[in-house]
Protein backbone atom coordinates (compact mmCIF):
# COMPACT_ATOMS: atom_id res chain seq x y z
CA UNK A 1 -68.62 60.01 25.50
CA UNK A 2 -66.75 57.07 24.00
CA UNK A 3 -63.06 56.59 23.44
CA UNK A 4 -61.69 53.34 22.06
CA UNK A 5 -57.92 53.19 22.29
CA UNK A 6 -56.19 50.36 20.44
CA UNK A 7 -52.78 49.10 21.59
CA UNK A 8 -50.48 46.32 20.47
CA UNK A 9 -47.14 45.63 18.88
CA UNK A 10 -46.19 47.23 15.58
CA UNK A 11 -47.69 45.24 12.73
CA UNK A 12 -50.59 43.87 14.78
CA UNK A 13 -53.16 45.73 12.69
CA UNK A 14 -54.04 48.63 14.98
CA UNK A 15 -54.46 51.13 12.13
CA UNK A 16 -56.29 48.65 9.88
CA UNK A 17 -58.71 47.69 12.65
CA UNK A 18 -59.11 51.31 13.75
CA UNK A 19 -60.09 52.36 10.22
CA UNK A 20 -62.54 49.46 9.85
CA UNK A 21 -64.06 50.11 13.28
CA UNK A 22 -64.41 53.79 12.41
CA UNK A 23 -66.30 52.94 9.21
CA UNK A 24 -68.67 50.66 11.11
CA UNK A 25 -69.34 53.00 14.03
CA UNK A 26 -69.07 56.41 12.36
CA UNK A 27 -66.63 57.49 15.06
CA UNK A 28 -63.59 59.49 13.85
CA UNK A 29 -60.30 57.60 13.77
CA UNK A 30 -56.88 58.91 14.77
CA UNK A 31 -53.62 57.04 14.32
CA UNK A 32 -51.33 58.52 16.98
CA UNK A 33 -48.23 58.37 14.77
CA UNK A 34 -50.07 60.16 11.94
CA UNK A 35 -51.40 62.70 14.43
CA UNK A 36 -47.86 63.37 15.67
CA UNK A 37 -46.63 63.77 12.10
CA UNK A 38 -49.40 66.23 11.21
CA UNK A 39 -48.85 68.30 14.38
CA UNK A 40 -45.03 68.28 14.15
CA UNK A 41 -44.87 68.61 10.33
CA UNK A 42 -42.31 65.81 10.02
CA UNK A 43 -42.23 62.03 10.03
CA UNK A 44 -41.81 59.79 13.05
CA UNK A 45 -38.53 58.64 11.50
CA UNK A 46 -37.31 62.25 11.30
CA UNK A 47 -38.21 62.78 14.97
CA UNK A 48 -36.30 59.60 15.91
CA UNK A 49 -33.32 60.76 13.82
CA UNK A 50 -33.31 64.26 15.34
CA UNK A 51 -34.30 63.60 18.95
CA UNK A 52 -33.68 59.87 19.47
CA UNK A 53 -36.19 57.48 20.97
CA UNK A 54 -36.34 59.33 24.29
CA UNK A 55 -37.20 62.61 22.57
CA UNK A 56 -39.82 60.90 20.44
CA UNK A 57 -41.41 59.24 23.49
CA UNK A 58 -41.82 62.62 25.21
CA UNK A 59 -43.55 64.05 22.14
CA UNK A 60 -45.67 60.91 21.82
CA UNK A 61 -46.70 61.18 25.49
CA UNK A 62 -47.80 64.80 25.03
CA UNK A 63 -49.69 64.06 21.82
CA UNK A 64 -51.42 61.06 23.45
CA UNK A 65 -52.67 63.37 26.20
CA UNK A 66 -53.94 65.76 23.54
CA UNK A 67 -55.77 63.32 21.25
CA UNK A 68 -57.16 61.21 24.11
CA UNK A 69 -59.13 64.26 25.27
CA UNK A 70 -61.19 64.17 22.06
CA UNK A 71 -64.69 62.76 22.50
CA UNK A 72 -66.26 59.85 20.64
CA UNK A 73 -63.06 58.74 18.88
CA UNK A 74 -61.07 55.66 18.01
CA UNK A 75 -57.31 55.99 18.51
CA UNK A 76 -54.58 53.57 17.51
CA UNK A 77 -51.35 54.00 19.45
CA UNK A 78 -47.83 53.26 18.36
CA UNK A 79 -46.49 49.92 19.53
CA UNK A 80 -44.37 51.50 22.26
CA UNK A 81 -46.87 54.09 23.45
CA UNK A 82 -48.29 52.02 26.37
CA UNK A 83 -44.80 51.15 27.62
CA UNK A 84 -43.51 54.59 28.58
CA UNK A 85 -44.34 57.03 31.35
CA UNK A 86 -47.81 56.36 32.79
CA UNK A 87 -49.29 55.97 29.31
CA UNK A 88 -51.09 52.64 29.81
CA UNK A 89 -52.74 53.78 33.03
CA UNK A 90 -53.73 57.02 31.29
CA UNK A 91 -55.14 55.10 28.30
CA UNK A 92 -57.25 52.95 30.62
CA UNK A 93 -58.51 56.04 32.44
CA UNK A 94 -59.48 57.74 29.19
CA UNK A 95 -61.56 55.00 27.59
CA UNK A 96 -61.93 51.42 26.50
CA UNK A 97 -58.49 50.00 25.77
CA UNK A 98 -58.19 47.10 23.35
CA UNK A 99 -55.01 45.03 22.96
CA UNK A 100 -54.64 43.36 19.56
CA UNK A 101 -52.68 40.27 20.58
CA UNK A 102 -50.61 38.48 17.96
CA UNK A 103 -47.79 35.92 17.79
CA UNK A 104 -44.23 37.03 16.99
CA UNK A 105 -44.25 34.91 13.81
CA UNK A 106 -47.35 36.63 12.45
CA UNK A 107 -46.05 40.06 13.47
CA UNK A 108 -42.88 39.38 11.49
CA UNK A 109 -44.93 38.45 8.40
CA UNK A 110 -47.09 41.58 8.76
CA UNK A 111 -44.03 43.79 9.13
CA UNK A 112 -42.41 42.20 6.06
CA UNK A 113 -45.54 43.02 4.00
CA UNK A 114 -45.92 46.56 5.37
CA UNK A 115 -44.83 49.63 3.46
CA UNK A 116 -44.22 51.78 6.54
CA UNK A 117 -40.68 52.63 7.60
CA UNK A 118 -40.21 51.34 11.16
CA UNK A 119 -37.35 53.25 12.78
CA UNK A 120 -36.69 50.51 15.35
CA UNK A 121 -36.21 47.91 12.59
CA UNK A 122 -33.87 49.85 10.29
CA UNK A 123 -30.60 48.16 9.31
CA UNK A 124 -31.53 44.80 10.85
CA UNK A 125 -31.27 41.46 9.05
CA UNK A 126 -34.40 39.24 8.90
CA UNK A 127 -33.03 37.08 11.75
CA UNK A 128 -32.27 40.18 13.82
CA UNK A 129 -35.81 41.50 13.18
CA UNK A 130 -37.33 38.19 14.33
CA UNK A 131 -35.22 38.17 17.50
CA UNK A 132 -35.99 41.85 18.13
CA UNK A 133 -39.76 41.28 17.82
CA UNK A 134 -39.63 38.30 20.20
CA UNK A 135 -37.56 40.15 22.78
CA UNK A 136 -39.50 43.40 22.62
CA UNK A 137 -42.90 41.72 22.64
CA UNK A 138 -41.88 39.81 25.77
CA UNK A 139 -40.94 43.11 27.45
CA UNK A 140 -44.03 44.99 26.28
CA UNK A 141 -46.72 42.37 26.97
CA UNK A 142 -46.88 43.36 30.64
CA UNK A 143 -48.12 46.78 29.50
CA UNK A 144 -50.38 45.52 26.69
CA UNK A 145 -52.00 42.99 29.02
CA UNK A 146 -53.23 45.85 31.22
CA UNK A 147 -55.73 46.71 28.47
CA UNK A 148 -59.37 46.31 29.46
CA UNK A 149 -60.04 44.07 26.44
CA UNK A 150 -57.76 41.59 24.65
CA UNK A 151 -58.57 40.42 21.13
CA UNK A 152 -56.52 37.70 19.43
CA UNK A 153 -55.68 38.84 15.89
CA UNK A 154 -53.20 36.11 14.99
CA UNK A 155 -55.24 35.07 11.96
CA UNK A 156 -56.24 38.54 10.73
CA UNK A 157 -54.84 38.29 7.21
CA UNK A 158 -57.72 39.25 4.91
CA UNK A 159 -60.79 41.53 4.78
CA UNK A 160 -63.15 38.87 6.08
CA UNK A 161 -60.95 38.26 9.12
CA UNK A 162 -60.60 42.01 9.70
CA UNK A 163 -64.42 42.17 9.77
CA UNK A 164 -64.49 39.29 12.28
CA UNK A 165 -62.01 41.20 14.46
CA UNK A 166 -64.07 44.40 14.26
CA UNK A 167 -67.21 42.44 15.15
CA UNK A 168 -65.39 40.86 18.11
CA UNK A 169 -64.38 44.32 19.38
CA UNK A 170 -67.93 45.64 18.93
CA UNK A 171 -69.32 42.66 20.83
CA UNK A 172 -66.74 43.02 23.57
CA UNK A 173 -67.49 46.74 23.98
CA UNK A 174 -71.22 46.47 23.42
CA UNK A 175 -71.29 48.92 20.47
């Protein structure tokens, strides 16, 4: 039974790497946010709007415990997932955790290019977003660094580099 659980800040490439790793290994891939949306029949943004961050984190915690019971899967978590409740310890107990480590500058660029609505970044100016990323990443790294494996993805900006990242994860995990 294999479970690969990918953690990291929003915009670090967890979903992109998870998809690519799934294609290479044949293991099913689950993005936790997408899983929540399919189970709750609404978007993460709608959950944030209706229940606030605390309400969302409770739902996220429950859904993590559900999807992390699946066997032979790859799961990408939301950026905050490891930082609440006992989630990071649970993730480590359930499988091979992989932290996609990235600089705040690159995260900002990735988030600027992304098409996904990020509830925590709404209504912020570019300077406020940069400061927010730096501050939150500093707070969250203590959780991310508990991952069993850390892969630097600072330069993951094209398909070739995504492949290099996937290969590095496969080497690290021996798969």
